[in-house]
């Protein structure tokens, strides 16, 4: 089963009044990654859009399904959404 780990990346500068954070979650394959898939959701959704949780069936989770196939998957929240 692929593992996942959540990160919060601080962003400052860029004419921002104060630092903000962007949520990133990495889904790692069990072996060497074949490629990196970067997933940015739309419509005000968070990166969890790519990881729908249905017990005992990872096929509903794009991120976990592709990590199980050997890809490193990064889901990234847009500013103002998520973290």
N, C-alpha and C. Protein backbone atom coordinates (compact mmCIF):
# COMPACT_ATOMS: atom_id res chain seq x y z
N UNK A 1 0.84 -1.18 0.00
CA UNK A 1 0.00 0.00 0.00
C UNK A 1 0.88 1.24 0.00
N UNK A 2 0.64 2.19 -0.92
CA UNK A 2 1.44 3.41 -0.96
C UNK A 2 1.28 4.24 0.32
N UNK A 3 2.35 4.93 0.68
CA UNK A 3 2.29 5.78 1.87
C UNK A 3 2.06 7.23 1.43
N UNK A 4 1.54 8.03 2.35
CA UNK A 4 1.34 9.45 2.06
C UNK A 4 1.84 10.27 3.23
N UNK A 5 2.26 11.49 2.92
CA UNK A 5 2.74 12.40 3.94
C UNK A 5 2.33 13.82 3.56
N UNK A 6 1.78 14.55 4.54
CA UNK A 6 1.32 15.92 4.30
C UNK A 6 2.38 16.93 4.72
N UNK A 7 2.47 18.01 3.96
CA UNK A 7 3.41 19.09 4.25
C UNK A 7 2.66 20.42 4.18
N UNK A 8 3.17 21.40 4.88
CA UNK A 8 2.68 22.76 4.78
C UNK A 8 3.88 23.62 4.38
N UNK A 9 3.78 24.25 3.23
CA UNK A 9 4.90 25.03 2.70
C UNK A 9 4.59 26.51 2.85
N UNK A 10 5.43 27.23 3.58
CA UNK A 10 5.24 28.67 3.79
C UNK A 10 5.66 29.44 2.56
N UNK A 11 4.85 30.41 2.19
CA UNK A 11 5.13 31.28 1.04
C UNK A 11 5.12 32.71 1.56
N UNK A 12 6.17 33.45 1.27
CA UNK A 12 6.21 34.86 1.69
C UNK A 12 6.71 35.69 0.53
N UNK A 13 6.63 36.98 0.71
CA UNK A 13 7.03 37.88 -0.37
C UNK A 13 5.90 37.98 -1.38
N UNK A 14 6.20 38.15 -2.61
CA UNK A 14 5.22 38.22 -3.68
C UNK A 14 4.10 39.22 -3.38
N UNK A 15 4.43 40.33 -2.73
CA UNK A 15 3.46 41.37 -2.37
C UNK A 15 2.42 40.88 -1.37
N UNK A 16 2.73 39.86 -0.58
CA UNK A 16 1.81 39.37 0.43
C UNK A 16 2.04 40.13 1.73
N UNK A 17 0.96 40.53 2.40
CA UNK A 17 1.07 41.27 3.66
C UNK A 17 1.72 40.42 4.74
N UNK A 18 1.42 39.12 4.76
CA UNK A 18 2.01 38.21 5.74
C UNK A 18 2.19 36.84 5.08
N UNK A 19 3.06 36.01 5.63
CA UNK A 19 3.29 34.68 5.04
C UNK A 19 2.01 33.84 5.05
N UNK A 20 1.85 33.04 4.03
CA UNK A 20 0.74 32.10 3.93
C UNK A 20 1.30 30.70 3.72
N UNK A 21 0.45 29.69 3.85
CA UNK A 21 0.89 28.31 3.66
C UNK A 21 0.11 27.64 2.55
N UNK A 22 0.78 26.76 1.86
CA UNK A 22 0.16 25.94 0.83
C UNK A 22 0.27 24.49 1.30
N UNK A 23 -0.83 23.76 1.26
CA UNK A 23 -0.82 22.35 1.65
C UNK A 23 -0.41 21.47 0.49
N UNK A 24 0.51 20.56 0.75
CA UNK A 24 0.98 19.60 -0.25
C UNK A 24 0.96 18.21 0.39
N UNK A 25 0.47 17.23 -0.34
CA UNK A 25 0.50 15.86 0.15
C UNK A 25 1.18 14.99 -0.91
N UNK A 26 2.18 14.21 -0.47
CA UNK A 26 2.90 13.31 -1.37
C UNK A 26 2.45 11.88 -1.12
N UNK A 27 2.18 11.17 -2.20
CA UNK A 27 1.84 9.75 -2.16
C UNK A 27 2.99 9.01 -2.81
N UNK A 28 3.69 8.20 -2.02
CA UNK A 28 4.92 7.56 -2.49
C UNK A 28 4.68 6.10 -2.87
N UNK A 29 5.26 5.68 -3.99
CA UNK A 29 5.18 4.27 -4.35
C UNK A 29 6.10 3.43 -3.47
N UNK A 30 5.91 2.14 -3.49
CA UNK A 30 6.74 1.25 -2.69
C UNK A 30 8.16 1.13 -3.23
N UNK A 31 8.34 1.34 -4.52
CA UNK A 31 9.66 1.22 -5.16
C UNK A 31 10.05 2.57 -5.76
N UNK A 32 11.11 2.59 -6.55
CA UNK A 32 11.57 3.80 -7.24
C UNK A 32 10.43 4.35 -8.09
N UNK A 33 10.20 5.66 -8.02
CA UNK A 33 9.11 6.29 -8.76
C UNK A 33 9.40 6.33 -10.25
N UNK A 34 8.38 6.03 -11.05
CA UNK A 34 8.51 6.09 -12.51
C UNK A 34 8.48 7.52 -13.01
N UNK A 35 7.69 8.36 -12.35
CA UNK A 35 7.55 9.77 -12.72
C UNK A 35 6.83 10.49 -11.58
N UNK A 36 6.86 11.82 -11.64
CA UNK A 36 6.14 12.65 -10.66
C UNK A 36 4.89 13.20 -11.33
N UNK A 37 3.73 12.98 -10.70
CA UNK A 37 2.48 13.55 -11.18
C UNK A 37 2.11 14.69 -10.23
N UNK A 38 1.95 15.90 -10.76
CA UNK A 38 1.56 17.06 -9.96
C UNK A 38 0.09 17.33 -10.21
N UNK A 39 -0.71 17.29 -9.15
CA UNK A 39 -2.16 17.40 -9.27
C UNK A 39 -2.65 18.67 -8.59
N UNK A 40 -3.24 19.56 -9.37
CA UNK A 40 -3.82 20.81 -8.88
C UNK A 40 -5.32 20.75 -9.10
N UNK A 41 -6.11 20.76 -8.02
CA UNK A 41 -7.57 20.67 -8.19
C UNK A 41 -8.16 21.99 -8.66
N UNK A 42 -9.37 21.92 -9.19
CA UNK A 42 -10.07 23.12 -9.62
C UNK A 42 -11.35 23.31 -8.84
N UNK A 43 -12.05 24.37 -9.14
CA UNK A 43 -13.36 24.61 -8.57
C UNK A 43 -13.39 24.81 -7.07
N UNK A 44 -12.33 25.31 -6.47
CA UNK A 44 -12.30 25.54 -5.03
C UNK A 44 -12.09 24.29 -4.21
N UNK A 45 -11.76 23.18 -4.84
CA UNK A 45 -11.51 21.92 -4.12
C UNK A 45 -10.10 21.92 -3.53
N UNK A 46 -9.88 21.07 -2.55
CA UNK A 46 -8.54 20.87 -2.00
C UNK A 46 -7.89 19.70 -2.72
N UNK A 47 -6.64 19.43 -2.40
CA UNK A 47 -5.94 18.29 -2.97
C UNK A 47 -6.57 16.96 -2.61
N UNK A 48 -7.42 16.95 -1.58
CA UNK A 48 -8.11 15.71 -1.20
C UNK A 48 -9.06 15.23 -2.29
N UNK A 49 -9.37 16.08 -3.25
CA UNK A 49 -10.18 15.69 -4.40
C UNK A 49 -9.58 14.47 -5.09
N UNK A 50 -8.27 14.38 -5.10
CA UNK A 50 -7.56 13.29 -5.78
C UNK A 50 -7.40 12.06 -4.89
N UNK A 51 -7.91 12.11 -3.65
CA UNK A 51 -7.79 10.99 -2.72
C UNK A 51 -9.13 10.70 -2.04
N UNK A 52 -10.12 10.30 -2.83
CA UNK A 52 -11.43 9.96 -2.28
C UNK A 52 -11.29 8.69 -1.45
N UNK A 53 -11.76 8.74 -0.20
CA UNK A 53 -11.56 7.64 0.74
C UNK A 53 -12.77 6.71 0.77
N UNK A 54 -12.60 5.53 0.13
CA UNK A 54 -13.60 4.47 0.20
C UNK A 54 -12.89 3.27 0.82
N UNK A 55 -13.32 2.85 2.01
CA UNK A 55 -12.63 1.75 2.70
C UNK A 55 -12.46 0.50 1.83
N UNK A 56 -11.25 -0.05 1.87
CA UNK A 56 -10.89 -1.30 1.20
C UNK A 56 -10.94 -1.23 -0.33
N UNK A 57 -10.98 -0.02 -0.92
CA UNK A 57 -10.99 0.09 -2.38
C UNK A 57 -10.25 1.35 -2.80
N UNK A 58 -8.95 1.22 -3.10
CA UNK A 58 -8.16 2.40 -3.46
C UNK A 58 -8.45 2.89 -4.88
N UNK A 59 -9.27 2.15 -5.65
CA UNK A 59 -9.53 2.56 -7.02
C UNK A 59 -10.29 3.89 -7.09
N UNK A 60 -10.93 4.32 -6.02
CA UNK A 60 -11.60 5.62 -6.00
C UNK A 60 -10.61 6.76 -5.77
N UNK A 61 -9.41 6.44 -5.34
CA UNK A 61 -8.38 7.44 -5.07
C UNK A 61 -7.39 7.47 -6.22
N UNK A 62 -7.42 8.56 -7.01
CA UNK A 62 -6.46 8.72 -8.10
C UNK A 62 -5.04 8.66 -7.56
N UNK A 63 -4.78 9.40 -6.46
CA UNK A 63 -3.43 9.49 -5.91
C UNK A 63 -2.90 8.13 -5.46
N UNK A 64 -3.69 7.39 -4.70
CA UNK A 64 -3.24 6.08 -4.20
C UNK A 64 -3.15 5.05 -5.31
N UNK A 65 -4.06 5.10 -6.27
CA UNK A 65 -4.03 4.16 -7.40
C UNK A 65 -2.76 4.32 -8.22
N UNK A 66 -2.40 5.58 -8.51
CA UNK A 66 -1.21 5.80 -9.31
C UNK A 66 0.07 5.57 -8.52
N UNK A 67 0.05 5.84 -7.22
CA UNK A 67 1.21 5.52 -6.38
C UNK A 67 1.41 4.00 -6.36
N UNK A 68 0.33 3.24 -6.32
CA UNK A 68 0.43 1.78 -6.35
C UNK A 68 0.98 1.29 -7.68
N UNK A 69 0.85 2.09 -8.73
CA UNK A 69 1.38 1.74 -10.06
C UNK A 69 2.81 2.25 -10.26
N UNK A 70 3.39 2.86 -9.20
CA UNK A 70 4.79 3.26 -9.28
C UNK A 70 5.06 4.73 -9.50
N UNK A 71 4.04 5.57 -9.40
CA UNK A 71 4.22 7.00 -9.59
C UNK A 71 4.28 7.73 -8.26
N UNK A 72 5.08 8.79 -8.19
CA UNK A 72 5.07 9.70 -7.05
C UNK A 72 4.03 10.76 -7.38
N UNK A 73 3.03 10.90 -6.51
CA UNK A 73 1.92 11.83 -6.77
C UNK A 73 1.95 12.95 -5.74
N UNK A 74 1.92 14.19 -6.21
CA UNK A 74 1.87 15.36 -5.34
C UNK A 74 0.55 16.09 -5.58
N UNK A 75 -0.26 16.22 -4.53
CA UNK A 75 -1.49 17.01 -4.62
C UNK A 75 -1.22 18.33 -3.92
N UNK A 76 -1.57 19.43 -4.57
CA UNK A 76 -1.22 20.76 -4.08
C UNK A 76 -2.47 21.61 -3.96
N UNK A 77 -2.69 22.21 -2.79
CA UNK A 77 -3.80 23.13 -2.59
C UNK A 77 -3.43 24.51 -3.14
N UNK A 78 -4.41 25.19 -3.69
CA UNK A 78 -4.19 26.57 -4.12
C UNK A 78 -4.22 27.50 -2.91
N UNK A 79 -3.67 28.70 -3.02
CA UNK A 79 -3.73 29.68 -1.94
C UNK A 79 -5.19 29.95 -1.59
N UNK A 80 -5.48 29.97 -0.30
CA UNK A 80 -6.82 30.25 0.17
C UNK A 80 -7.72 29.04 0.25
N UNK A 81 -7.22 27.88 -0.16
CA UNK A 81 -8.00 26.65 -0.11
C UNK A 81 -7.18 25.61 0.64
N UNK A 82 -7.77 24.93 1.58
CA UNK A 82 -7.04 23.90 2.32
C UNK A 82 -6.40 24.45 3.57
N UNK A 83 -5.11 24.22 3.73
CA UNK A 83 -4.39 24.56 4.97
C UNK A 83 -4.62 25.97 5.39
